[in-house]
Amino acid sequence: MGNLHIGCCGFPTARKKYFEEFDTIEVQLTFYTIPQTKTVQRWREEAPEGFRFTMKAFQGITHRYFSPTYRRARLGWEKERMLGFGHFRPTEEVHWAWQQTLQLARILQAKVIVFQCPPNFKESEQTIQNLIRFFESIERDDFSLAIEFRANWQKETIAHLCRQLNLIHCVDPFKELPMTRGLRYFRLHGAPPGEKMYRYQYTNDDLQRLKAIVLSNPEAETYCMFNNMTMREDALRFKETMREADAKQPNTPPSRP
């Protein structure tokens, strides 16, 4: 299935080996910090032709300064300036965070930029207005932009905002299905909270269920990005599952002239 892309969230093994095993990766480093441009340029140059990068937007757009994830940011900024980060607010700091994200996406030639919202980004009139102002004002080139909500937003609100702002609703398909049509971006986080979550290894039955979800709309371009501790093993197993499914498809007879 040429429109199915299976990969991992971050490099779980050496890059050379990963490039041999997969054709897609979601870069995680760009969420935690702003890497040097020469670093991401090297990744782009090392990757084989046709390899797809997706990436997470820098946390300065989505997460407030008190998030523990900022321990890895290494910006060296004063706290007063850091307080301007997060929740898509119309601040100079959020605008700066987007410009840095955009520059890295251009170097990687990223296919999708993922905005992962924190659990405290809850539905309200203010957060809705923040999203509208942000996505209607940014320079976005031709990148596909995906948003992952981790608070309990109403489905109708998500559907309306994604249509209005031309966003992809990014989901874990074992927990919910997207409220948008077209390109599907699945992030597979493991079991639900309280059930080992990231330590969870997907069973064969799980992968069969994921296959059924993918094949429910085989024409849609779909990303299946594994984000658990056994992501490499699970992603390779799912590749094999889909390869077997593809092999079972009947060959289409050639059309008559």
C-alpha atoms as a PDB file:
ATOM      1  CA  MET A   1       0.000   0.000   0.000  1.00  0.00           C
ATOM      2  CA  GLY A   2       1.873   3.020  -1.276  1.00  0.00           C
ATOM      3  CA  ASN A   3      -0.314   5.420   0.661  1.00  0.00           C
ATOM      4  CA  LEU A   4       0.442   3.784   4.041  1.00  0.00           C
ATOM      5  CA  HIS A   5       3.461   5.033   5.987  1.00  0.00           C
ATOM      6  CA  ILE A   6       4.601   3.078   9.053  1.00  0.00           C
ATOM      7  CA  GLY A   7       7.293   4.352  11.369  1.00  0.00           C
ATOM      8  CA  CYS A   8       8.344   5.397  14.861  1.00  0.00           C
ATOM      9  CA  CYS A   9       8.233   8.548  16.936  1.00  0.00           C
ATOM     10  CA  GLY A  10      11.948   9.141  17.267  1.00  0.00           C
ATOM     11  CA  PHE A  11      14.896   6.939  16.321  1.00  0.00           C
ATOM     12  CA  PRO A  12      14.721   3.681  18.357  1.00  0.00           C
ATOM     13  CA  THR A  13      17.918   2.408  16.737  1.00  0.00           C
ATOM     14  CA  ALA A  14      20.880   3.732  14.780  1.00  0.00           C
ATOM     15  CA  ARG A  15      19.803   6.038  11.953  1.00  0.00           C
ATOM     16  CA  LYS A  16      21.456   3.950   9.229  1.00  0.00           C
ATOM     17  CA  LYS A  17      19.611   0.843  10.379  1.00  0.00           C
ATOM     18  CA  TYR A  18      16.353   2.751  10.775  1.00  0.00           C
ATOM     19  CA  PHE A  19      16.574   4.135   7.237  1.00  0.00           C
ATOM     20  CA  GLU A  20      16.971   0.555   5.998  1.00  0.00           C
ATOM     21  CA  GLU A  21      13.887  -0.671   7.875  1.00  0.00           C
ATOM     22  CA  PHE A  22      11.391   2.186   7.497  1.00  0.00           C
ATOM     23  CA  ASP A  23      10.444   4.921   5.073  1.00  0.00           C
ATOM     24  CA  THR A  24       9.008   7.373   7.642  1.00  0.00           C
ATOM     25  CA  ILE A  25       9.895   8.882  11.008  1.00  0.00           C
ATOM     26  CA  GLU A  26       8.342  11.451  13.319  1.00  0.00           C
ATOM     27  CA  VAL A  27      11.133  13.649  14.693  1.00  0.00           C
ATOM     28  CA  GLN A  28      10.703  14.168  18.443  1.00  0.00           C
ATOM     29  CA  LEU A  29      13.742  16.309  19.226  1.00  0.00           C
ATOM     30  CA  THR A  30      12.098  19.351  17.645  1.00  0.00           C
ATOM     31  CA  PHE A  31       9.428  19.294  20.357  1.00  0.00           C
ATOM     32  CA  TYR A  32      11.838  19.394  23.280  1.00  0.00           C
ATOM     33  CA  THR A  33      14.408  21.856  21.949  1.00  0.00           C
ATOM     34  CA  ILE A  34      15.548  23.709  18.846  1.00  0.00           C
ATOM     35  CA  PRO A  35      18.295  21.549  17.333  1.00  0.00           C
ATOM     36  CA  GLN A  36      21.048  23.076  15.246  1.00  0.00           C
ATOM     37  CA  THR A  37      20.144  23.361  11.591  1.00  0.00           C
ATOM     38  CA  LYS A  38      23.242  21.359  10.653  1.00  0.00           C
ATOM     39  CA  THR A  39      21.892  18.443  12.710  1.00  0.00           C
ATOM     40  CA  VAL A  40      18.576  18.181  10.868  1.00  0.00           C
ATOM     41  CA  GLN A  41      20.303  18.892   7.559  1.00  0.00           C
ATOM     42  CA  ARG A  42      22.539  15.871   8.197  1.00  0.00           C
ATOM     43  CA  TRP A  43      19.477  13.696   8.863  1.00  0.00           C
ATOM     44  CA  ARG A  44      17.912  14.849   5.601  1.00  0.00           C
ATOM     45  CA  GLU A  45      21.109  14.127   3.673  1.00  0.00           C
ATOM     46  CA  GLU A  46      21.604  10.711   5.284  1.00  0.00           C
ATOM     47  CA  ALA A  47      18.051   9.581   4.518  1.00  0.00           C
ATOM     48  CA  PRO A  48      17.481   7.677   1.278  1.00  0.00           C
ATOM     49  CA  GLU A  49      15.535   9.159  -1.590  1.00  0.00           C
ATOM     50  CA  GLY A  50      11.810   9.096  -0.923  1.00  0.00           C
ATOM     51  CA  PHE A  51      12.181   8.889   2.854  1.00  0.00           C
ATOM     52  CA  ARG A  52       9.479  10.865   4.694  1.00  0.00           C
ATOM     53  CA  PHE A  53      10.058  13.036   7.710  1.00  0.00           C
ATOM     54  CA  THR A  54       7.267  14.293   9.908  1.00  0.00           C
ATOM     55  CA  MET A  55       7.982  16.295  13.050  1.00  0.00           C
ATOM     56  CA  LYS A  56       6.529  17.641  16.268  1.00  0.00           C
ATOM     57  CA  ALA A  57       6.265  21.409  16.586  1.00  0.00           C
ATOM     58  CA  PHE A  58       8.398  22.985  19.312  1.00  0.00           C
ATOM     59  CA  GLN A  59       6.683  22.899  22.704  1.00  0.00           C
ATOM     60  CA  GLY A  60       6.923  26.692  23.007  1.00  0.00           C
ATOM     61  CA  ILE A  61       3.813  26.864  20.802  1.00  0.00           C
ATOM     62  CA  THR A  62       1.705  24.403  22.757  1.00  0.00           C
ATOM     63  CA  HIS A  63       3.003  24.016  26.327  1.00  0.00           C
ATOM     64  CA  ARG A  64       3.198  26.605  29.113  1.00  0.00           C
ATOM     65  CA  TYR A  65       6.551  27.180  30.791  1.00  0.00           C
ATOM     66  CA  PHE A  66       5.721  25.130  33.901  1.00  0.00           C
ATOM     67  CA  SER A  67       5.598  21.900  31.858  1.00  0.00           C
ATOM     68  CA  PRO A  68       8.403  19.527  32.989  1.00  0.00           C
ATOM     69  CA  THR A  69       9.298  18.986  29.336  1.00  0.00           C
ATOM     70  CA  TYR A  70      11.092  22.365  29.354  1.00  0.00           C
ATOM     71  CA  ARG A  71      13.914  20.771  31.334  1.00  0.00           C
ATOM     72  CA  ARG A  72      15.284  19.678  27.954  1.00  0.00           C
ATOM     73  CA  ALA A  73      14.740  22.992  26.155  1.00  0.00           C
ATOM     74  CA  ARG A  74      18.231  24.416  26.851  1.00  0.00           C
ATOM     75  CA  LEU A  75      17.295  27.907  25.664  1.00  0.00           C
ATOM     76  CA  GLY A  76      19.073  29.846  28.395  1.00  0.00           C
ATOM     77  CA  TRP A  77      16.240  32.389  28.598  1.00  0.00           C
ATOM     78  CA  GLU A  78      15.078  34.298  31.655  1.00  0.00           C
ATOM     79  CA  LYS A  79      11.920  32.965  33.302  1.00  0.00           C
ATOM     80  CA  GLU A  80       9.977  36.145  32.465  1.00  0.00           C
ATOM     81  CA  ARG A  81      10.492  35.520  28.757  1.00  0.00           C
ATOM     82  CA  MET A  82       9.735  31.805  29.031  1.00  0.00           C
ATOM     83  CA  LEU A  83       6.351  32.678  30.532  1.00  0.00           C
ATOM     84  CA  GLY A  84       5.296  33.874  27.086  1.00  0.00           C
ATOM     85  CA  PHE A  85       5.338  30.334  25.704  1.00  0.00           C
ATOM     86  CA  GLY A  86       2.404  28.021  25.211  1.00  0.00           C
ATOM     87  CA  HIS A  87      -1.290  27.497  24.448  1.00  0.00           C
ATOM     88  CA  PHE A  88      -1.021  29.065  20.965  1.00  0.00           C
ATOM     89  CA  ARG A  89      -1.223  32.516  22.574  1.00  0.00           C
ATOM     90  CA  PRO A  90      -0.541  35.651  20.468  1.00  0.00           C
ATOM     91  CA  THR A  91       2.841  36.366  22.053  1.00  0.00           C
ATOM     92  CA  GLU A  92       6.264  37.128  20.601  1.00  0.00           C
ATOM     93  CA  GLU A  93       7.580  33.923  22.142  1.00  0.00           C
ATOM     94  CA  VAL A  94       4.965  31.703  20.492  1.00  0.00           C
ATOM     95  CA  HIS A  95       5.585  33.446  17.158  1.00  0.00           C
ATOM     96  CA  TRP A  96       9.326  32.832  17.586  1.00  0.00           C
ATOM     97  CA  ALA A  97       8.653  29.162  18.382  1.00  0.00           C
ATOM     98  CA  TRP A  98       6.680  28.781  15.149  1.00  0.00           C
ATOM     99  CA  GLN A  99       9.397  30.453  13.066  1.00  0.00           C
ATOM    100  CA  GLN A 100      11.970  28.023  14.459  1.00  0.00           C
ATOM    101  CA  THR A 101       9.656  25.072  13.793  1.00  0.00           C
ATOM    102  CA  LEU A 102       8.992  26.265  10.251  1.00  0.00           C
ATOM    103  CA  GLN A 103      12.693  26.626   9.489  1.00  0.00           C
ATOM    104  CA  LEU A 104      13.416  23.073  10.655  1.00  0.00           C
ATOM    105  CA  ALA A 105      10.431  21.684   8.722  1.00  0.00           C
ATOM    106  CA  ARG A 106      11.746  23.281   5.543  1.00  0.00           C
ATOM    107  CA  ILE A 107      15.169  21.707   6.021  1.00  0.00           C
ATOM    108  CA  LEU A 108      13.673  18.271   6.702  1.00  0.00           C
ATOM    109  CA  GLN A 109      11.133  18.708   3.885  1.00  0.00           C
ATOM    110  CA  ALA A 110       8.643  17.445   6.437  1.00  0.00           C
ATOM    111  CA  LYS A 111       5.368  16.081   5.158  1.00  0.00           C
ATOM    112  CA  VAL A 112       3.424  16.711   8.379  1.00  0.00           C
ATOM    113  CA  ILE A 113       3.964  18.988  11.383  1.00  0.00           C
ATOM    114  CA  VAL A 114       2.266  17.698  14.542  1.00  0.00           C
ATOM    115  CA  PHE A 115       1.038  20.033  17.281  1.00  0.00           C
ATOM    116  CA  GLN A 116       0.639  17.953  20.445  1.00  0.00           C
ATOM    117  CA  CYS A 117      -1.514  19.858  22.932  1.00  0.00           C
ATOM    118  CA  PRO A 118      -0.925  19.339  26.665  1.00  0.00           C
ATOM    119  CA  PRO A 119      -3.679  17.886  28.884  1.00  0.00           C
ATOM    120  CA  ASN A 120      -4.233  21.318  30.461  1.00  0.00           C
ATOM    121  CA  PHE A 121      -5.133  22.854  27.086  1.00  0.00           C
ATOM    122  CA  LYS A 122      -8.856  22.462  27.658  1.00  0.00           C
ATOM    123  CA  GLU A 123     -11.762  23.611  25.567  1.00  0.00           C
ATOM    124  CA  SER A 124     -12.827  27.167  26.347  1.00  0.00           C
ATOM    125  CA  GLU A 125     -13.689  30.329  24.482  1.00  0.00           C
ATOM    126  CA  GLN A 126     -10.126  31.548  25.079  1.00  0.00           C
ATOM    127  CA  THR A 127      -8.338  28.431  23.833  1.00  0.00           C
ATOM    128  CA  ILE A 128     -10.567  28.278  20.759  1.00  0.00           C
ATOM    129  CA  GLN A 129      -9.731  31.897  19.951  1.00  0.00           C
ATOM    130  CA  ASN A 130      -6.037  31.172  20.505  1.00  0.00           C
ATOM    131  CA  LEU A 131      -6.167  28.372  17.936  1.00  0.00           C
ATOM    132  CA  ILE A 132      -8.023  30.477  15.398  1.00  0.00           C
ATOM    133  CA  ARG A 133      -5.672  33.458  15.723  1.00  0.00           C
ATOM    134  CA  PHE A 134      -2.583  31.262  15.550  1.00  0.00           C
ATOM    135  CA  PHE A 135      -3.458  29.102  12.563  1.00  0.00           C
ATOM    136  CA  GLU A 136      -5.027  31.938  10.586  1.00  0.00           C
ATOM    137  CA  SER A 137      -1.956  34.128  11.001  1.00  0.00           C
ATOM    138  CA  ILE A 138       1.027  31.808  10.504  1.00  0.00           C
ATOM    139  CA  GLU A 139       2.992  31.195   7.352  1.00  0.00           C
ATOM    140  CA  ARG A 140       2.501  27.495   6.713  1.00  0.00           C
ATOM    141  CA  ASP A 141       3.868  26.855   3.200  1.00  0.00           C
ATOM    142  CA  ASP A 142       2.375  23.595   1.856  1.00  0.00           C
ATOM    143  CA  PHE A 143       2.909  21.594   5.052  1.00  0.00           C
ATOM    144  CA  SER A 144       0.108  19.404   6.344  1.00  0.00           C
ATOM    145  CA  LEU A 145      -0.613  20.448   9.927  1.00  0.00           C
ATOM    146  CA  ALA A 146      -1.964  17.901  12.426  1.00  0.00           C
ATOM    147  CA  ILE A 147      -3.275  18.656  15.907  1.00  0.00           C
ATOM    148  CA  GLU A 148      -3.502  16.158  18.763  1.00  0.00           C
ATOM    149  CA  PHE A 149      -5.832  17.091  21.626  1.00  0.00           C
ATOM    150  CA  ARG A 150      -5.149  15.408  24.961  1.00  0.00           C
ATOM    151  CA  ALA A 151      -7.997  17.017  26.897  1.00  0.00           C
ATOM    152  CA  ASN A 152     -11.680  16.158  26.463  1.00  0.00           C
ATOM    153  CA  TRP A 153     -12.724  18.544  23.709  1.00  0.00           C
ATOM    154  CA  GLN A 154     -16.159  18.106  22.188  1.00  0.00           C
ATOM    155  CA  LYS A 155     -16.043  16.220  18.911  1.00  0.00           C
ATOM    156  CA  GLU A 156     -18.164  18.865  17.209  1.00  0.00           C
ATOM    157  CA  THR A 157     -15.707  21.581  18.242  1.00  0.00           C
ATOM    158  CA  ILE A 158     -12.749  19.600  16.934  1.00  0.00           C
ATOM    159  CA  ALA A 159     -14.474  18.896  13.623  1.00  0.00           C
ATOM    160  CA  HIS A 160     -15.453  22.545  13.168  1.00  0.00           C
ATOM    161  CA  LEU A 161     -12.005  23.919  14.021  1.00  0.00           C
ATOM    162  CA  CYS A 162     -10.198  21.432  11.787  1.00  0.00           C
ATOM    163  CA  ARG A 163     -12.427  22.334   8.849  1.00  0.00           C
ATOM    164  CA  GLN A 164     -12.085  26.053   9.462  1.00  0.00           C
ATOM    165  CA  LEU A 165      -8.318  25.978   9.976  1.00  0.00           C
ATOM    166  CA  ASN A 166      -7.427  23.198   7.510  1.00  0.00           C
ATOM    167  CA  LEU A 167      -6.012  20.881  10.168  1.00  0.00           C
ATOM    168  CA  ILE A 168      -5.713  17.102  10.446  1.00  0.00           C
ATOM    169  CA  HIS A 169      -7.176  15.598  13.601  1.00  0.00           C
ATOM    170  CA  CYS A 170      -4.324  13.444  14.928  1.00  0.00           C
ATOM    171  CA  VAL A 171      -5.477  10.543  17.133  1.00  0.00           C
ATOM    172  CA  ASP A 172      -4.553   7.228  18.665  1.00  0.00           C
ATOM    173  CA  PRO A 173      -6.985   5.008  16.706  1.00  0.00           C
ATOM    174  CA  PHE A 174      -7.287   2.562  19.620  1.00  0.00           C
ATOM    175  CA  LYS A 175      -8.857   5.364  21.657  1.00  0.00           C
ATOM    176  CA  GLU A 176     -10.794   7.426  19.093  1.00  0.00           C
ATOM    177  CA  LEU A 177     -11.207   7.977  15.378  1.00  0.00           C
ATOM    178  CA  PRO A 178     -10.377  11.256  13.641  1.00  0.00           C
ATOM    179  CA  MET A 179     -12.986  13.942  13.113  1.00  0.00           C
ATOM    180  CA  THR A 180     -11.445  14.887   9.774  1.00  0.00           C
ATOM    181  CA  ARG A 181     -11.434  13.257   6.366  1.00  0.00           C
ATOM    182  CA  GLY A 182      -8.569  12.739   3.965  1.00  0.00           C
ATOM    183  CA  LEU A 183      -5.071  12.222   5.328  1.00  0.00           C
ATOM    184  CA  ARG A 184      -5.024  10.230   8.582  1.00  0.00           C
ATOM    185  CA  TYR A 185      -2.275  10.612  11.168  1.00  0.00           C
ATOM    186  CA  PHE A 186      -2.272   7.949  13.880  1.00  0.00           C
ATOM    187  CA  ARG A 187       0.036   8.150  16.907  1.00  0.00           C
ATOM    188  CA  LEU A 188       0.115   4.843  18.765  1.00  0.00           C
ATOM    189  CA  HIS A 189       0.915   5.522  22.416  1.00  0.00           C
ATOM    190  CA  GLY A 190       0.394   2.055  23.868  1.00  0.00           C
ATOM    191  CA  ALA A 191      -2.275   1.101  26.385  1.00  0.00           C
ATOM    192  CA  PRO A 192      -4.631   3.621  28.041  1.00  0.00           C
ATOM    193  CA  PRO A 193      -3.271   5.463  31.105  1.00  0.00           C
ATOM    194  CA  GLY A 194      -3.011   3.170  34.104  1.00  0.00           C
ATOM    195  CA  GLU A 195      -2.284   0.117  31.954  1.00  0.00           C
ATOM    196  CA  LYS A 196       1.488   0.406  31.505  1.00  0.00           C
ATOM    197  CA  MET A 197       0.851   2.854  28.637  1.00  0.00           C
ATOM    198  CA  TYR A 198       4.215   3.381  26.895  1.00  0.00           C
ATOM    199  CA  ARG A 199       5.575   0.075  28.221  1.00  0.00           C
ATOM    200  CA  TYR A 200       2.708  -1.758  26.546  1.00  0.00           C
ATOM    201  CA  GLN A 201       3.595  -4.029  23.625  1.00  0.00           C
ATOM    202  CA  TYR A 202       0.930  -4.415  20.973  1.00  0.00           C
ATOM    203  CA  THR A 203      -0.455  -7.935  20.584  1.00  0.00           C
ATOM    204  CA  ASN A 204      -1.120  -9.658  17.287  1.00  0.00           C
ATOM    205  CA  ASP A 205      -4.821  -9.040  17.863  1.00  0.00           C
ATOM    206  CA  ASP A 206      -4.104  -5.340  18.328  1.00  0.00           C
ATOM    207  CA  LEU A 207      -2.247  -5.212  15.035  1.00  0.00           C
ATOM    208  CA  GLN A 208      -5.085  -7.025  13.286  1.00  0.00           C
ATOM    209  CA  ARG A 209      -7.484  -4.425  14.659  1.00  0.00           C
ATOM    210  CA  LEU A 210      -5.203  -1.639  13.440  1.00  0.00           C
ATOM    211  CA  LYS A 211      -5.074  -3.301  10.027  1.00  0.00           C
ATOM    212  CA  ALA A 212      -8.883  -3.271   9.896  1.00  0.00           C
ATOM    213  CA  ILE A 213      -8.920   0.446  10.740  1.00  0.00           C
ATOM    214  CA  VAL A 214      -6.409   1.184   7.991  1.00  0.00           C
ATOM    215  CA  LEU A 215      -8.269  -0.938   5.447  1.00  0.00           C
ATOM    216  CA  SER A 216     -11.597   0.682   6.340  1.00  0.00           C
ATOM    217  CA  ASN A 217     -10.478   3.490   4.034  1.00  0.00           C
ATOM    218  CA  PRO A 218      -7.664   2.066   1.904  1.00  0.00           C
ATOM    219  CA  GLU A 219      -7.591   5.076  -0.426  1.00  0.00           C
ATOM    220  CA  ALA A 220      -6.721   7.534   2.357  1.00  0.00           C
ATOM    221  CA  GLU A 221      -3.080   8.397   2.905  1.00  0.00           C
ATOM    222  CA  THR A 222      -2.353   7.091   6.407  1.00  0.00           C
ATOM    223  CA  TYR A 223       0.534   7.466   8.838  1.00  0.00           C
ATOM    224  CA  CYS A 224       0.874   4.880  11.618  1.00  0.00           C
ATOM    225  CA  MET A 225       3.517   6.172  13.996  1.00  0.00           C
ATOM    226  CA  PHE A 226       4.378   3.958  16.967  1.00  0.00           C
ATOM    227  CA  ASN A 227       5.277   5.756  20.196  1.00  0.00           C
ATOM    228  CA  ASN A 228       5.765   3.060  22.850  1.00  0.00           C
ATOM    229  CA  MET A 229       8.869   1.447  24.297  1.00  0.00           C
ATOM    230  CA  THR A 230       8.734  -1.468  21.845  1.00  0.00           C
ATOM    231  CA  MET A 231       7.885   0.804  18.918  1.00  0.00           C
ATOM    232  CA  ARG A 232      10.535  -0.579  16.553  1.00  0.00           C
ATOM    233  CA  GLU A 233       9.488  -4.183  17.073  1.00  0.00           C
ATOM    234  CA  ASP A 234       5.779  -3.350  16.892  1.00  0.00           C
ATOM    235  CA  ALA A 235       6.175  -1.196  13.792  1.00  0.00           C
ATOM    236  CA  LEU A 236       8.137  -3.943  12.019  1.00  0.00           C
ATOM    237  CA  ARG A 237       5.472  -6.488  12.966  1.00  0.00           C
ATOM    238  CA  PHE A 238       2.760  -4.196  11.648  1.00  0.00           C
ATOM    239  CA  LYS A 239       4.679  -3.730   8.395  1.00  0.00           C
ATOM    240  CA  GLU A 240       4.689  -7.509   8.018  1.00  0.00           C
ATOM    241  CA  THR A 241       0.981  -7.689   8.877  1.00  0.00           C
ATOM    242  CA  MET A 242       0.159  -5.186   6.152  1.00  0.00           C
ATOM    243  CA  ARG A 243       2.523  -6.870   3.704  1.00  0.00           C
ATOM    244  CA  GLU A 244       0.651 -10.136   4.202  1.00  0.00           C
ATOM    245  CA  ALA A 245      -2.678  -8.348   3.781  1.00  0.00           C
ATOM    246  CA  ASP A 246      -1.463  -6.740   0.568  1.00  0.00           C
ATOM    247  CA  ALA A 247      -0.252 -10.089  -0.774  1.00  0.00           C
ATOM    248  CA  LYS A 248      -3.725 -11.553  -0.255  1.00  0.00           C
ATOM    249  CA  GLN A 249      -5.375  -8.877  -2.370  1.00  0.00           C
ATOM    250  CA  PRO A 250      -6.464 -10.299  -5.730  1.00  0.00           C
ATOM    251  CA  ASN A 251      -4.510  -9.047  -8.700  1.00  0.00           C
ATOM    252  CA  THR A 252      -6.462  -6.642 -10.863  1.00  0.00           C
ATOM    253  CA  PRO A 253      -6.677  -7.945 -14.436  1.00  0.00           C
ATOM    254  CA  PRO A 254      -5.270  -5.618 -17.084  1.00  0.00           C
ATOM    255  CA  SER A 255      -7.866  -3.427 -18.783  1.00  0.00           C
ATOM    256  CA  ARG A 256      -8.634  -4.017 -22.414  1.00  0.00           C
ATOM    257  CA  PRO A 257      -7.501  -1.410 -24.916  1.00  0.00           C
END
